[in-house]
């Protein structure tokens, strides 16, 4: 049995994250048994938010605001299900 069997994971990657970093994360999750979804759906069990380290507080606050916006959209989808 793999570490992440029965998990369906959706990855949210901000624009400042390199595609190679996301590909490496997807490969590692799949290697450990997770199913990685390209779209958010009712089958998704976990959401991973991938972002880079912010060098200043203003950028961090903007990133957190975007994260809150994503959670609002996810909540709206779940309410419709």
C-alpha atoms as a PDB file:
ATOM      1  CA  UNK A   1       0.000   0.000   0.000  1.00  0.00           C
ATOM      2  CA  UNK A   2       1.341   3.411  -1.020  1.00  0.00           C
ATOM      3  CA  UNK A   3       1.480   6.371   1.334  1.00  0.00           C
ATOM      4  CA  UNK A   4      -1.204   8.427  -0.451  1.00  0.00           C
ATOM      5  CA  UNK A   5      -3.587   5.718  -1.684  1.00  0.00           C
ATOM      6  CA  UNK A   6      -7.196   6.925  -1.930  1.00  0.00           C
ATOM      7  CA  UNK A   7      -6.186  10.600  -2.100  1.00  0.00           C
ATOM      8  CA  UNK A   8      -7.271  12.792  -4.982  1.00  0.00           C
ATOM      9  CA  UNK A   9      -5.235  15.982  -4.994  1.00  0.00           C
ATOM     10  CA  UNK A  10      -5.774  19.255  -6.836  1.00  0.00           C
ATOM     11  CA  UNK A  11      -2.747  21.571  -7.085  1.00  0.00           C
ATOM     12  CA  UNK A  12      -3.073  25.349  -7.209  1.00  0.00           C
ATOM     13  CA  UNK A  13       0.193  26.874  -8.409  1.00  0.00           C
ATOM     14  CA  UNK A  14       0.718  30.617  -8.553  1.00  0.00           C
ATOM     15  CA  UNK A  15       2.272  32.159 -11.666  1.00  0.00           C
ATOM     16  CA  UNK A  16       5.600  32.695  -9.927  1.00  0.00           C
ATOM     17  CA  UNK A  17       6.030  28.913  -9.440  1.00  0.00           C
ATOM     18  CA  UNK A  18       8.090  27.246 -12.150  1.00  0.00           C
ATOM     19  CA  UNK A  19       6.376  24.509 -14.162  1.00  0.00           C
ATOM     20  CA  UNK A  20       9.238  22.127 -13.371  1.00  0.00           C
ATOM     21  CA  UNK A  21       8.529  22.519  -9.634  1.00  0.00           C
ATOM     22  CA  UNK A  22       4.875  21.620 -10.148  1.00  0.00           C
ATOM     23  CA  UNK A  23       5.788  18.666 -12.383  1.00  0.00           C
ATOM     24  CA  UNK A  24       8.183  17.354  -9.731  1.00  0.00           C
ATOM     25  CA  UNK A  25       5.484  17.664  -7.049  1.00  0.00           C
ATOM     26  CA  UNK A  26       2.927  15.854  -9.223  1.00  0.00           C
ATOM     27  CA  UNK A  27       5.412  13.059  -9.964  1.00  0.00           C
ATOM     28  CA  UNK A  28       6.231  12.597  -6.268  1.00  0.00           C
ATOM     29  CA  UNK A  29       2.563  12.514  -5.270  1.00  0.00           C
ATOM     30  CA  UNK A  30       1.749   9.983  -7.990  1.00  0.00           C
ATOM     31  CA  UNK A  31       4.774   7.890  -7.047  1.00  0.00           C
ATOM     32  CA  UNK A  32       3.283   7.647  -3.563  1.00  0.00           C
ATOM     33  CA  UNK A  33      -0.149   6.574  -4.793  1.00  0.00           C
ATOM     34  CA  UNK A  34      -2.077   9.844  -5.083  1.00  0.00           C
ATOM     35  CA  UNK A  35      -4.339  10.675  -7.998  1.00  0.00           C
ATOM     36  CA  UNK A  36      -3.626  14.241  -9.120  1.00  0.00           C
ATOM     37  CA  UNK A  37      -6.638  15.970 -10.648  1.00  0.00           C
ATOM     38  CA  UNK A  38      -6.343  18.624 -13.352  1.00  0.00           C
ATOM     39  CA  UNK A  39      -9.672  20.155 -12.257  1.00  0.00           C
ATOM     40  CA  UNK A  40     -11.356  20.715  -8.928  1.00  0.00           C
ATOM     41  CA  UNK A  41     -14.295  18.346  -8.452  1.00  0.00           C
ATOM     42  CA  UNK A  42     -16.279  16.536  -5.779  1.00  0.00           C
ATOM     43  CA  UNK A  43     -13.761  13.665  -5.957  1.00  0.00           C
ATOM     44  CA  UNK A  44     -10.867  15.870  -4.759  1.00  0.00           C
ATOM     45  CA  UNK A  45      -9.918  15.063  -1.171  1.00  0.00           C
ATOM     46  CA  UNK A  46      -6.987  17.485  -0.739  1.00  0.00           C
ATOM     47  CA  UNK A  47      -5.899  20.828  -2.192  1.00  0.00           C
ATOM     48  CA  UNK A  48      -2.216  21.776  -2.331  1.00  0.00           C
ATOM     49  CA  UNK A  49      -1.338  25.448  -2.765  1.00  0.00           C
ATOM     50  CA  UNK A  50       2.108  25.840  -4.248  1.00  0.00           C
ATOM     51  CA  UNK A  51       3.749  29.240  -4.043  1.00  0.00           C
ATOM     52  CA  UNK A  52       7.202  30.705  -3.723  1.00  0.00           C
ATOM     53  CA  UNK A  53       8.623  32.378  -0.639  1.00  0.00           C
ATOM     54  CA  UNK A  54       7.777  36.082  -0.553  1.00  0.00           C
ATOM     55  CA  UNK A  55      10.624  38.442   0.204  1.00  0.00           C
ATOM     56  CA  UNK A  56       8.475  41.213   1.635  1.00  0.00           C
ATOM     57  CA  UNK A  57       5.276  41.496   3.661  1.00  0.00           C
ATOM     58  CA  UNK A  58       3.312  43.292   0.907  1.00  0.00           C
ATOM     59  CA  UNK A  59       3.818  40.394  -1.497  1.00  0.00           C
ATOM     60  CA  UNK A  60       2.915  37.915   1.232  1.00  0.00           C
ATOM     61  CA  UNK A  61      -0.318  39.789   1.996  1.00  0.00           C
ATOM     62  CA  UNK A  62      -1.242  39.823  -1.707  1.00  0.00           C
ATOM     63  CA  UNK A  63      -0.562  36.096  -1.891  1.00  0.00           C
ATOM     64  CA  UNK A  64      -2.743  35.448   1.131  1.00  0.00           C
ATOM     65  CA  UNK A  65      -5.563  37.497  -0.422  1.00  0.00           C
ATOM     66  CA  UNK A  66      -5.347  35.352  -3.573  1.00  0.00           C
ATOM     67  CA  UNK A  67      -5.448  32.224  -1.420  1.00  0.00           C
ATOM     68  CA  UNK A  68      -8.581  33.458   0.367  1.00  0.00           C
ATOM     69  CA  UNK A  69     -10.169  34.126  -3.033  1.00  0.00           C
ATOM     70  CA  UNK A  70      -9.412  30.559  -4.132  1.00  0.00           C
ATOM     71  CA  UNK A  71     -11.015  29.181  -0.969  1.00  0.00           C
ATOM     72  CA  UNK A  72     -14.141  31.284  -1.604  1.00  0.00           C
ATOM     73  CA  UNK A  73     -14.412  29.843  -5.116  1.00  0.00           C
ATOM     74  CA  UNK A  74     -13.912  26.296  -3.821  1.00  0.00           C
ATOM     75  CA  UNK A  75     -16.602  26.853  -1.208  1.00  0.00           C
ATOM     76  CA  UNK A  76     -19.011  28.048  -3.920  1.00  0.00           C
ATOM     77  CA  UNK A  77     -18.375  24.870  -5.933  1.00  0.00           C
ATOM     78  CA  UNK A  78     -18.943  22.669  -2.890  1.00  0.00           C
ATOM     79  CA  UNK A  79     -22.233  24.410  -2.078  1.00  0.00           C
ATOM     80  CA  UNK A  80     -23.462  23.658  -5.612  1.00  0.00           C
ATOM     81  CA  UNK A  81     -22.673  19.931  -5.310  1.00  0.00           C
END
